[in-house]
């Protein structure tokens, strides 16, 4: 059921995906979807469980943190259709946007806290990190802007790594 939901949300987007279509894809009665997940929003939340598997940064040399994170995010975007579906739904639907918010709040902010020089700035620095990695992900995997798609991983790492590094570890301006 969750596999069918992930595929349908990825293909149709949140708005056009229906419980009936997801149930048909899964070979079950739509009432089963409602029984287990309550509604489409509940199904979407379950189908979009994401573990970013962020690297432990406390032992990473300070000057490698930005490149390590950019490389990690590129690897995650390339290899995870659920993550890409969440990104597409996140830019078009409030429930999807809230799911993206929770992933960044619950998974990214704690990692940023391990390297941020000022604990009070963790939310700001996590937001700046998000602006870079989500901006690249949207341009490369959702909008498929030709120049973004044409960049190699190393080119992206070389451009974004220093910016992410500065956002996370530099002293406040």
C-alpha atoms as a PDB file:
ATOM      1  CA  UNK A   1       0.000   0.000   0.000  1.00  0.00           C
ATOM      2  CA  UNK A   2       2.761   2.470   0.926  1.00  0.00           C
ATOM      3  CA  UNK A   3       4.764   1.598  -2.194  1.00  0.00           C
ATOM      4  CA  UNK A   4       1.693   2.254  -4.345  1.00  0.00           C
ATOM      5  CA  UNK A   5       1.095   5.529  -2.510  1.00  0.00           C
ATOM      6  CA  UNK A   6       4.702   6.661  -2.989  1.00  0.00           C
ATOM      7  CA  UNK A   7       4.555   5.893  -6.689  1.00  0.00           C
ATOM      8  CA  UNK A   8       1.189   7.563  -7.163  1.00  0.00           C
ATOM      9  CA  UNK A   9       2.170  10.694  -5.213  1.00  0.00           C
ATOM     10  CA  UNK A  10       5.413  10.897  -7.196  1.00  0.00           C
ATOM     11  CA  UNK A  11       3.619  10.475 -10.524  1.00  0.00           C
ATOM     12  CA  UNK A  12       0.453  12.498  -9.949  1.00  0.00           C
ATOM     13  CA  UNK A  13       1.410  14.846  -7.137  1.00  0.00           C
ATOM     14  CA  UNK A  14      -0.534  15.199  -3.932  1.00  0.00           C
ATOM     15  CA  UNK A  15      -3.528  17.034  -5.374  1.00  0.00           C
ATOM     16  CA  UNK A  16      -4.264  14.619  -8.228  1.00  0.00           C
ATOM     17  CA  UNK A  17      -3.460  11.371  -6.406  1.00  0.00           C
ATOM     18  CA  UNK A  18      -6.613   9.713  -5.128  1.00  0.00           C
ATOM     19  CA  UNK A  19      -7.266   7.068  -2.515  1.00  0.00           C
ATOM     20  CA  UNK A  20      -9.100   5.034  -5.163  1.00  0.00           C
ATOM     21  CA  UNK A  21      -6.154   5.117  -7.575  1.00  0.00           C
ATOM     22  CA  UNK A  22      -3.688   4.205  -4.823  1.00  0.00           C
ATOM     23  CA  UNK A  23      -5.896   1.335  -3.648  1.00  0.00           C
ATOM     24  CA  UNK A  24      -6.287   0.111  -7.251  1.00  0.00           C
ATOM     25  CA  UNK A  25      -2.485   0.233  -7.710  1.00  0.00           C
ATOM     26  CA  UNK A  26      -2.042  -1.747  -4.472  1.00  0.00           C
ATOM     27  CA  UNK A  27      -4.769  -4.253  -5.401  1.00  0.00           C
ATOM     28  CA  UNK A  28      -6.863  -3.515  -2.307  1.00  0.00           C
ATOM     29  CA  UNK A  29     -10.199  -1.967  -1.449  1.00  0.00           C
ATOM     30  CA  UNK A  30     -10.089   1.813  -0.780  1.00  0.00           C
ATOM     31  CA  UNK A  31     -11.685   1.226   2.626  1.00  0.00           C
ATOM     32  CA  UNK A  32      -8.454  -0.487   3.719  1.00  0.00           C
ATOM     33  CA  UNK A  33      -6.498   2.703   3.047  1.00  0.00           C
ATOM     34  CA  UNK A  34      -8.979   4.687   5.100  1.00  0.00           C
ATOM     35  CA  UNK A  35      -8.942   2.093   7.879  1.00  0.00           C
ATOM     36  CA  UNK A  36      -5.166   2.234   8.316  1.00  0.00           C
ATOM     37  CA  UNK A  37      -4.426   5.880   7.511  1.00  0.00           C
ATOM     38  CA  UNK A  38      -7.690   7.770   8.044  1.00  0.00           C
ATOM     39  CA  UNK A  39      -7.418  10.045   5.012  1.00  0.00           C
ATOM     40  CA  UNK A  40      -5.149  11.035   2.151  1.00  0.00           C
ATOM     41  CA  UNK A  41      -3.090  13.326   4.359  1.00  0.00           C
ATOM     42  CA  UNK A  42      -2.432  10.483   6.819  1.00  0.00           C
ATOM     43  CA  UNK A  43      -1.444   8.190   3.968  1.00  0.00           C
ATOM     44  CA  UNK A  44       0.862  10.835   2.537  1.00  0.00           C
ATOM     45  CA  UNK A  45       2.539  11.329   5.919  1.00  0.00           C
ATOM     46  CA  UNK A  46       3.139   7.584   6.248  1.00  0.00           C
ATOM     47  CA  UNK A  47       4.306   7.222   2.648  1.00  0.00           C
ATOM     48  CA  UNK A  48       6.720  10.122   2.991  1.00  0.00           C
ATOM     49  CA  UNK A  49       8.606   8.957   6.067  1.00  0.00           C
ATOM     50  CA  UNK A  50      12.098  10.149   5.311  1.00  0.00           C
ATOM     51  CA  UNK A  51      15.347   9.470   7.074  1.00  0.00           C
ATOM     52  CA  UNK A  52      17.984  11.753   5.596  1.00  0.00           C
ATOM     53  CA  UNK A  53      20.670   9.600   7.216  1.00  0.00           C
ATOM     54  CA  UNK A  54      22.690  12.725   7.853  1.00  0.00           C
ATOM     55  CA  UNK A  55      26.339  12.162   8.629  1.00  0.00           C
ATOM     56  CA  UNK A  56      27.764  12.706  12.086  1.00  0.00           C
ATOM     57  CA  UNK A  57      29.677  15.989  11.791  1.00  0.00           C
ATOM     58  CA  UNK A  58      31.253  16.387  15.219  1.00  0.00           C
ATOM     59  CA  UNK A  59      34.429  14.582  14.145  1.00  0.00           C
ATOM     60  CA  UNK A  60      34.642  16.132  10.678  1.00  0.00           C
ATOM     61  CA  UNK A  61      37.336  18.779  10.166  1.00  0.00           C
ATOM     62  CA  UNK A  62      35.633  22.172  10.212  1.00  0.00           C
ATOM     63  CA  UNK A  63      36.753  23.048   6.693  1.00  0.00           C
ATOM     64  CA  UNK A  64      35.106  19.901   5.244  1.00  0.00           C
ATOM     65  CA  UNK A  65      31.622  20.249   6.735  1.00  0.00           C
ATOM     66  CA  UNK A  66      30.067  22.125   3.818  1.00  0.00           C
ATOM     67  CA  UNK A  67      31.355  19.805   1.129  1.00  0.00           C
ATOM     68  CA  UNK A  68      30.447  16.729   3.175  1.00  0.00           C
ATOM     69  CA  UNK A  69      26.843  17.898   3.563  1.00  0.00           C
ATOM     70  CA  UNK A  70      26.411  18.960  -0.062  1.00  0.00           C
ATOM     71  CA  UNK A  71      27.787  15.600  -1.253  1.00  0.00           C
ATOM     72  CA  UNK A  72      25.468  13.809   1.153  1.00  0.00           C
ATOM     73  CA  UNK A  73      22.376  15.684  -0.023  1.00  0.00           C
ATOM     74  CA  UNK A  74      23.232  15.095  -3.688  1.00  0.00           C
ATOM     75  CA  UNK A  75      23.581  11.397  -3.008  1.00  0.00           C
ATOM     76  CA  UNK A  76      20.233  11.354  -1.178  1.00  0.00           C
ATOM     77  CA  UNK A  77      18.374  13.271  -3.900  1.00  0.00           C
ATOM     78  CA  UNK A  78      19.793  11.035  -6.635  1.00  0.00           C
ATOM     79  CA  UNK A  79      18.936   7.773  -4.949  1.00  0.00           C
ATOM     80  CA  UNK A  80      15.546   8.236  -3.312  1.00  0.00           C
ATOM     81  CA  UNK A  81      12.286   8.573  -5.240  1.00  0.00           C
ATOM     82  CA  UNK A  82      10.338   9.116  -2.014  1.00  0.00           C
ATOM     83  CA  UNK A  83      12.508  12.096  -1.182  1.00  0.00           C
ATOM     84  CA  UNK A  84      12.010  13.508  -4.668  1.00  0.00           C
ATOM     85  CA  UNK A  85       8.262  12.954  -4.449  1.00  0.00           C
ATOM     86  CA  UNK A  86       8.219  14.738  -1.099  1.00  0.00           C
ATOM     87  CA  UNK A  87      10.079  17.644  -2.650  1.00  0.00           C
ATOM     88  CA  UNK A  88       7.607  17.912  -5.543  1.00  0.00           C
ATOM     89  CA  UNK A  89       4.598  17.727  -3.227  1.00  0.00           C
ATOM     90  CA  UNK A  90       6.266  20.072  -0.741  1.00  0.00           C
ATOM     91  CA  UNK A  91       6.352  22.925  -3.227  1.00  0.00           C
ATOM     92  CA  UNK A  92       2.727  22.530  -4.292  1.00  0.00           C
ATOM     93  CA  UNK A  93       0.755  21.469  -1.229  1.00  0.00           C
ATOM     94  CA  UNK A  94       0.526  22.673   2.388  1.00  0.00           C
ATOM     95  CA  UNK A  95       0.603  19.113   3.788  1.00  0.00           C
ATOM     96  CA  UNK A  96       3.702  18.397   1.726  1.00  0.00           C
ATOM     97  CA  UNK A  97       5.335  21.645   2.818  1.00  0.00           C
ATOM     98  CA  UNK A  98       4.664  20.781   6.458  1.00  0.00           C
ATOM     99  CA  UNK A  99       6.265  17.370   5.931  1.00  0.00           C
ATOM    100  CA  UNK A 100       9.387  19.028   4.482  1.00  0.00           C
ATOM    101  CA  UNK A 101       9.399  21.464   7.429  1.00  0.00           C
ATOM    102  CA  UNK A 102       9.285  18.618   9.908  1.00  0.00           C
ATOM    103  CA  UNK A 103      12.104  16.723   8.195  1.00  0.00           C
ATOM    104  CA  UNK A 104      14.348  19.780   8.321  1.00  0.00           C
ATOM    105  CA  UNK A 105      13.299  20.717  11.856  1.00  0.00           C
ATOM    106  CA  UNK A 106      13.709  17.219  13.284  1.00  0.00           C
ATOM    107  CA  UNK A 107      16.726  15.983  11.336  1.00  0.00           C
ATOM    108  CA  UNK A 108      18.719  18.901   9.935  1.00  0.00           C
ATOM    109  CA  UNK A 109      18.571  21.373  12.818  1.00  0.00           C
ATOM    110  CA  UNK A 110      20.082  18.905  15.339  1.00  0.00           C
ATOM    111  CA  UNK A 111      23.014  18.253  12.988  1.00  0.00           C
ATOM    112  CA  UNK A 112      23.517  21.984  12.476  1.00  0.00           C
ATOM    113  CA  UNK A 113      23.543  22.397  16.260  1.00  0.00           C
ATOM    114  CA  UNK A 114      26.623  20.160  16.482  1.00  0.00           C
ATOM    115  CA  UNK A 115      28.718  22.544  14.367  1.00  0.00           C
ATOM    116  CA  UNK A 116      27.135  25.963  14.890  1.00  0.00           C
ATOM    117  CA  UNK A 117      29.296  28.371  16.911  1.00  0.00           C
ATOM    118  CA  UNK A 118      26.237  30.059  18.464  1.00  0.00           C
ATOM    119  CA  UNK A 119      23.371  27.841  19.681  1.00  0.00           C
ATOM    120  CA  UNK A 120      20.888  30.697  19.333  1.00  0.00           C
ATOM    121  CA  UNK A 121      21.609  30.797  15.593  1.00  0.00           C
ATOM    122  CA  UNK A 122      20.853  27.144  14.869  1.00  0.00           C
ATOM    123  CA  UNK A 123      17.393  27.840  13.320  1.00  0.00           C
ATOM    124  CA  UNK A 124      18.807  30.638  11.143  1.00  0.00           C
ATOM    125  CA  UNK A 125      21.753  28.564   9.964  1.00  0.00           C
ATOM    126  CA  UNK A 126      19.579  25.514   9.322  1.00  0.00           C
ATOM    127  CA  UNK A 127      17.297  27.732   7.205  1.00  0.00           C
ATOM    128  CA  UNK A 128      20.281  28.999   5.223  1.00  0.00           C
ATOM    129  CA  UNK A 129      21.454  25.427   4.658  1.00  0.00           C
ATOM    130  CA  UNK A 130      17.939  24.512   3.510  1.00  0.00           C
ATOM    131  CA  UNK A 131      17.913  27.439   1.066  1.00  0.00           C
ATOM    132  CA  UNK A 132      20.955  26.009  -0.672  1.00  0.00           C
ATOM    133  CA  UNK A 133      20.196  22.296  -0.734  1.00  0.00           C
ATOM    134  CA  UNK A 134      16.481  22.674  -1.426  1.00  0.00           C
ATOM    135  CA  UNK A 135      17.150  25.349  -4.042  1.00  0.00           C
ATOM    136  CA  UNK A 136      19.514  23.042  -5.888  1.00  0.00           C
ATOM    137  CA  UNK A 137      17.160  20.087  -5.505  1.00  0.00           C
ATOM    138  CA  UNK A 138      14.185  22.015  -6.888  1.00  0.00           C
ATOM    139  CA  UNK A 139      16.151  23.394  -9.842  1.00  0.00           C
ATOM    140  CA  UNK A 140      17.812  20.040 -10.620  1.00  0.00           C
ATOM    141  CA  UNK A 141      15.146  17.409  -9.814  1.00  0.00           C
ATOM    142  CA  UNK A 142      11.785  19.199  -9.998  1.00  0.00           C
ATOM    143  CA  UNK A 143      12.162  21.978 -12.560  1.00  0.00           C
ATOM    144  CA  UNK A 144      15.008  20.151 -14.309  1.00  0.00           C
ATOM    145  CA  UNK A 145      16.638  23.396 -15.361  1.00  0.00           C
ATOM    146  CA  UNK A 146      19.111  22.360 -18.078  1.00  0.00           C
ATOM    147  CA  UNK A 147      22.175  23.976 -16.556  1.00  0.00           C
ATOM    148  CA  UNK A 148      21.424  22.580 -13.101  1.00  0.00           C
ATOM    149  CA  UNK A 149      20.870  19.104 -14.516  1.00  0.00           C
ATOM    150  CA  UNK A 150      24.081  19.408 -16.538  1.00  0.00           C
ATOM    151  CA  UNK A 151      26.306  20.099 -13.541  1.00  0.00           C
ATOM    152  CA  UNK A 152      28.385  17.223 -12.233  1.00  0.00           C
ATOM    153  CA  UNK A 153      28.279  16.384  -8.546  1.00  0.00           C
ATOM    154  CA  UNK A 154      31.779  17.766  -8.109  1.00  0.00           C
ATOM    155  CA  UNK A 155      30.828  21.057  -9.749  1.00  0.00           C
ATOM    156  CA  UNK A 156      27.859  21.400  -7.419  1.00  0.00           C
ATOM    157  CA  UNK A 157      29.986  20.488  -4.395  1.00  0.00           C
ATOM    158  CA  UNK A 158      32.642  23.016  -5.445  1.00  0.00           C
ATOM    159  CA  UNK A 159      30.077  25.807  -5.822  1.00  0.00           C
ATOM    160  CA  UNK A 160      27.757  25.086  -2.893  1.00  0.00           C
ATOM    161  CA  UNK A 161      30.179  23.548  -0.401  1.00  0.00           C
ATOM    162  CA  UNK A 162      31.913  26.815   0.561  1.00  0.00           C
ATOM    163  CA  UNK A 163      28.577  28.616   0.901  1.00  0.00           C
ATOM    164  CA  UNK A 164      27.134  25.912   3.137  1.00  0.00           C
ATOM    165  CA  UNK A 165      30.394  25.906   5.079  1.00  0.00           C
ATOM    166  CA  UNK A 166      30.120  29.634   5.718  1.00  0.00           C
ATOM    167  CA  UNK A 167      26.472  29.369   6.711  1.00  0.00           C
ATOM    168  CA  UNK A 168      27.181  26.694   9.274  1.00  0.00           C
ATOM    169  CA  UNK A 169      30.516  27.594  10.822  1.00  0.00           C
ATOM    170  CA  UNK A 170      31.445  31.223  10.154  1.00  0.00           C
ATOM    171  CA  UNK A 171      31.187  33.862  12.840  1.00  0.00           C
ATOM    172  CA  UNK A 172      28.061  36.038  12.563  1.00  0.00           C
ATOM    173  CA  UNK A 173      28.329  38.986  10.184  1.00  0.00           C
END
